[in-house]
Protein backbone atom coordinates (compact mmCIF):
# COMPACT_ATOMS: atom_id res chain seq x y z
CA MET A 1 68.02 -36.68 10.95
CA LEU A 2 64.86 -38.73 10.34
CA ARG A 3 62.68 -35.63 10.57
CA GLN A 4 64.87 -33.83 8.01
CA THR A 5 64.66 -36.86 5.70
CA ASP A 6 60.87 -36.78 6.00
CA ASN A 7 60.88 -33.02 5.29
CA LEU A 8 63.00 -33.51 2.16
CA GLU A 9 60.78 -36.37 0.99
CA ASN A 10 57.70 -34.19 1.46
CA ILE A 11 59.28 -31.34 -0.51
CA VAL A 12 60.19 -33.70 -3.39
CA ASN A 13 56.67 -35.17 -3.40
CA VAL A 14 55.13 -31.70 -3.43
CA ILE A 15 57.30 -30.63 -6.36
CA LEU A 16 56.46 -33.81 -8.29
CA ALA A 17 52.74 -33.37 -7.61
CA SER A 18 52.91 -29.75 -8.70
CA ALA A 19 54.75 -30.61 -11.90
CA SER A 20 52.23 -33.33 -12.74
CA VAL A 21 49.32 -30.92 -12.18
CA GLU A 22 50.86 -28.27 -14.41
CA THR A 23 51.67 -30.67 -17.24
CA GLY A 24 48.24 -32.27 -17.08
CA ALA A 25 49.83 -35.63 -16.33
CA VAL A 26 47.66 -36.29 -13.28
CA LEU A 27 45.21 -39.09 -13.76
CA VAL A 28 42.17 -39.48 -11.57
CA GLN A 29 41.67 -42.96 -10.14
CA SER A 30 38.17 -43.98 -9.21
CA GLU A 31 37.73 -46.89 -6.88
CA GLU A 32 35.47 -48.00 -4.09
CA LEU A 33 36.56 -46.51 -0.82
CA VAL A 34 35.21 -47.27 2.64
CA LEU A 35 35.51 -43.81 4.18
CA SER A 36 35.76 -44.92 7.81
CA GLU A 37 38.56 -47.40 6.97
CA PHE A 38 40.35 -44.75 4.91
CA LEU A 39 40.14 -42.26 7.79
CA ASP A 40 41.21 -44.89 10.35
CA GLU A 41 44.33 -45.55 8.26
CA LEU A 42 45.02 -41.82 7.84
CA LYS A 43 44.63 -41.36 11.59
CA GLN A 44 47.11 -44.16 12.20
CA ASN A 45 49.58 -42.54 9.75
CA CYS A 46 49.34 -39.27 11.67
CA GLU A 47 50.06 -40.78 15.09
CA GLY A 48 53.31 -39.39 16.39
CA VAL A 49 53.44 -36.61 13.79
CA VAL A 50 52.71 -33.92 16.35
CA VAL A 51 55.98 -33.31 18.18
CA ASN A 52 54.58 -30.64 20.50
CA SER A 53 52.67 -32.15 23.42
CA ALA A 54 50.64 -28.92 23.69
CA VAL A 55 48.88 -29.80 20.41
CA VAL A 56 46.32 -32.58 20.14
CA LEU A 57 44.78 -34.10 17.00
CA VAL A 58 41.05 -34.76 17.36
CA TRP A 59 39.37 -37.01 14.81
CA ASP A 60 35.63 -36.62 14.40
CA TYR A 61 33.75 -38.85 11.95
CA PRO A 62 30.90 -41.32 12.26
CA VAL A 63 31.53 -45.04 12.08
CA PRO A 64 30.49 -46.69 9.91
CA MET A 65 30.67 -44.43 6.90
CA PRO A 66 29.49 -45.43 3.44
CA VAL A 67 31.45 -46.85 0.56
CA VAL A 68 31.98 -44.17 -2.10
CA ARG A 69 33.86 -43.91 -5.37
CA ALA A 70 36.92 -41.73 -4.97
CA ASP A 71 40.63 -41.37 -5.64
CA PRO A 72 42.19 -42.44 -2.32
CA GLY A 73 45.71 -41.35 -3.27
CA LYS A 74 44.76 -37.79 -4.08
CA LEU A 75 42.36 -37.58 -1.15
CA LYS A 76 45.18 -38.68 1.16
CA ILE A 77 47.52 -36.03 -0.27
CA ILE A 78 44.84 -33.35 0.17
CA LEU A 79 44.13 -34.24 3.80
CA LEU A 80 47.78 -34.79 4.79
CA ASN A 81 48.73 -31.40 3.34
CA LEU A 82 45.97 -29.73 5.37
CA ILE A 83 46.86 -31.62 8.55
CA ASN A 84 50.60 -30.96 8.20
CA ASN A 85 49.90 -27.29 7.54
CA ALA A 86 47.75 -27.07 10.67
CA ILE A 87 50.49 -28.74 12.70
CA LYS A 88 53.11 -26.28 11.44
CA PHE A 89 51.09 -23.24 12.49
CA THR A 90 49.61 -24.43 15.78
CA ASP A 91 51.85 -24.09 18.81
CA ALA A 92 49.22 -25.12 21.33
CA GLY A 93 45.62 -26.28 21.28
CA GLU A 94 43.68 -28.50 18.97
CA ILE A 95 43.66 -29.63 15.38
CA ARG A 96 40.30 -31.17 14.50
CA ILE A 97 39.82 -33.41 11.46
CA ARG A 98 36.13 -33.91 10.68
CA ALA A 99 34.48 -35.90 7.94
CA TRP A 100 30.91 -36.66 7.02
CA HIS A 101 28.87 -37.90 4.10
CA GLU A 102 25.92 -35.95 2.76
CA ALA A 103 23.92 -38.62 0.97
CA GLN A 104 21.25 -36.28 -0.43
CA GLN A 105 23.86 -34.10 -2.12
CA GLN A 106 26.02 -37.12 -2.99
CA ARG A 107 29.12 -35.56 -1.52
CA MET A 108 31.65 -36.10 1.19
CA VAL A 109 32.91 -33.22 3.29
CA PHE A 110 36.19 -32.92 5.15
CA ALA A 111 37.13 -30.10 7.49
CA VAL A 112 40.52 -29.48 9.06
CA SER A 113 40.56 -26.74 11.66
CA ASP A 114 43.21 -25.55 14.06
CA SER A 115 43.69 -23.11 16.91
CA GLY A 116 46.90 -21.76 15.37
CA ILE A 117 48.17 -18.38 14.24
CA GLY A 118 45.53 -17.83 11.56
CA VAL A 119 45.77 -15.82 8.37
CA ALA A 120 45.14 -12.11 8.01
CA PRO A 121 41.96 -11.30 6.03
CA ASP A 122 43.90 -9.47 3.32
CA GLN A 123 46.07 -12.59 2.80
CA LEU A 124 43.23 -15.13 2.48
CA PRO A 125 42.80 -14.67 -1.30
CA PHE A 126 46.42 -15.78 -1.79
CA VAL A 127 46.66 -18.90 0.39
CA PHE A 128 46.20 -21.26 -2.58
CA ASP A 129 48.78 -19.49 -4.76
CA LYS A 130 51.97 -21.26 -5.70
CA PHE A 131 54.85 -20.51 -3.32
CA TRP A 132 52.65 -18.43 -0.99
CA GLN A 133 53.69 -18.61 2.64
CA VAL A 134 52.71 -16.96 5.89
CA ASP A 135 54.99 -14.10 6.93
CA ALA A 136 58.60 -14.71 5.92
CA ALA A 137 60.00 -14.79 9.47
CA ARG A 138 57.70 -17.65 10.53
CA ALA A 139 58.05 -19.50 7.22
CA ARG A 140 61.85 -19.56 7.46
CA THR A 141 61.67 -21.46 10.75
CA LEU A 142 59.46 -24.14 9.20
CA SER A 143 59.99 -26.59 6.37
CA GLY A 144 58.08 -26.25 3.14
CA ILE A 145 58.11 -24.29 -0.05
CA GLY A 146 54.60 -22.89 -0.17
CA MET A 147 53.13 -25.53 -2.49
CA GLY A 148 50.97 -27.61 -0.14
CA LEU A 149 47.80 -25.50 -0.34
CA TYR A 150 48.29 -24.99 -4.08
CA ILE A 151 48.23 -28.79 -4.47
CA VAL A 152 45.23 -29.09 -2.14
CA LYS A 153 43.25 -26.76 -4.41
CA ALA A 154 44.50 -28.30 -7.66
CA PHE A 155 43.74 -31.88 -6.57
CA THR A 156 40.38 -30.92 -5.06
CA GLU A 157 39.31 -29.26 -8.32
CA LEU A 158 40.69 -32.17 -10.34
CA LEU A 159 38.39 -34.44 -8.33
CA GLY A 160 35.41 -32.17 -9.09
CA GLY A 161 35.28 -30.59 -5.66
CA THR A 162 35.71 -27.26 -3.93
CA VAL A 163 37.89 -25.98 -1.12
CA SER A 164 37.19 -23.01 1.12
CA VAL A 165 39.07 -21.36 3.96
CA ASN A 166 38.04 -19.28 6.96
CA SER A 167 40.57 -17.81 9.34
CA THR A 168 40.95 -15.40 12.22
CA LEU A 169 44.33 -14.08 13.27
CA ASN A 170 45.58 -15.67 16.49
CA LYS A 171 42.48 -17.89 16.70
CA GLY A 172 42.94 -20.41 13.92
CA THR A 173 42.02 -21.55 10.46
CA GLN A 174 39.53 -23.97 8.95
CA PHE A 175 39.70 -25.55 5.51
CA VAL A 176 36.62 -27.32 4.13
CA ILE A 177 36.82 -29.76 1.21
CA GLU A 178 33.64 -30.86 -0.57
CA LEU A 179 33.96 -33.73 -3.03
CA PRO A 180 31.42 -35.62 -5.11
CA ALA A 181 30.71 -39.10 -3.72
CA GLY A 182 28.54 -40.77 -6.28
């Protein structure tokens, strides 16, 4: 029952985020953010999320990390959507969350990779489309409405960043987020 409540809450939050993006009602907050503390908190929030003991979350980021100006709320939504997506499509293996700061380029980079089912090459151009989901049979067994990656892209671009994806069927997927960190 608790898991279903969480699923419904996530769906409502995704719909609200999508509606705010489309109406232009999303405001970007800019505040000082200690990246290592932010990631430590995110890591703590994700403890216990993976129900399948055959899947392990691996966190890989240097400590300490610098203080940057960012929108922690939107960054959290971006990373949680990517992590939750990786969890949904990984039956066994590893989900790796990496983060690093590139001082020379004044950017922060986040990568979420998994050893899950992957995405077919001909489907990659559509993964950020609204309501897009992996094959219908698999999607029906999982919660979600196909808006998570759409929001990842919309929020990333709203923050002045880019998102890219690489995937190999039956080997996994990697999403890379690059955001300005001035």
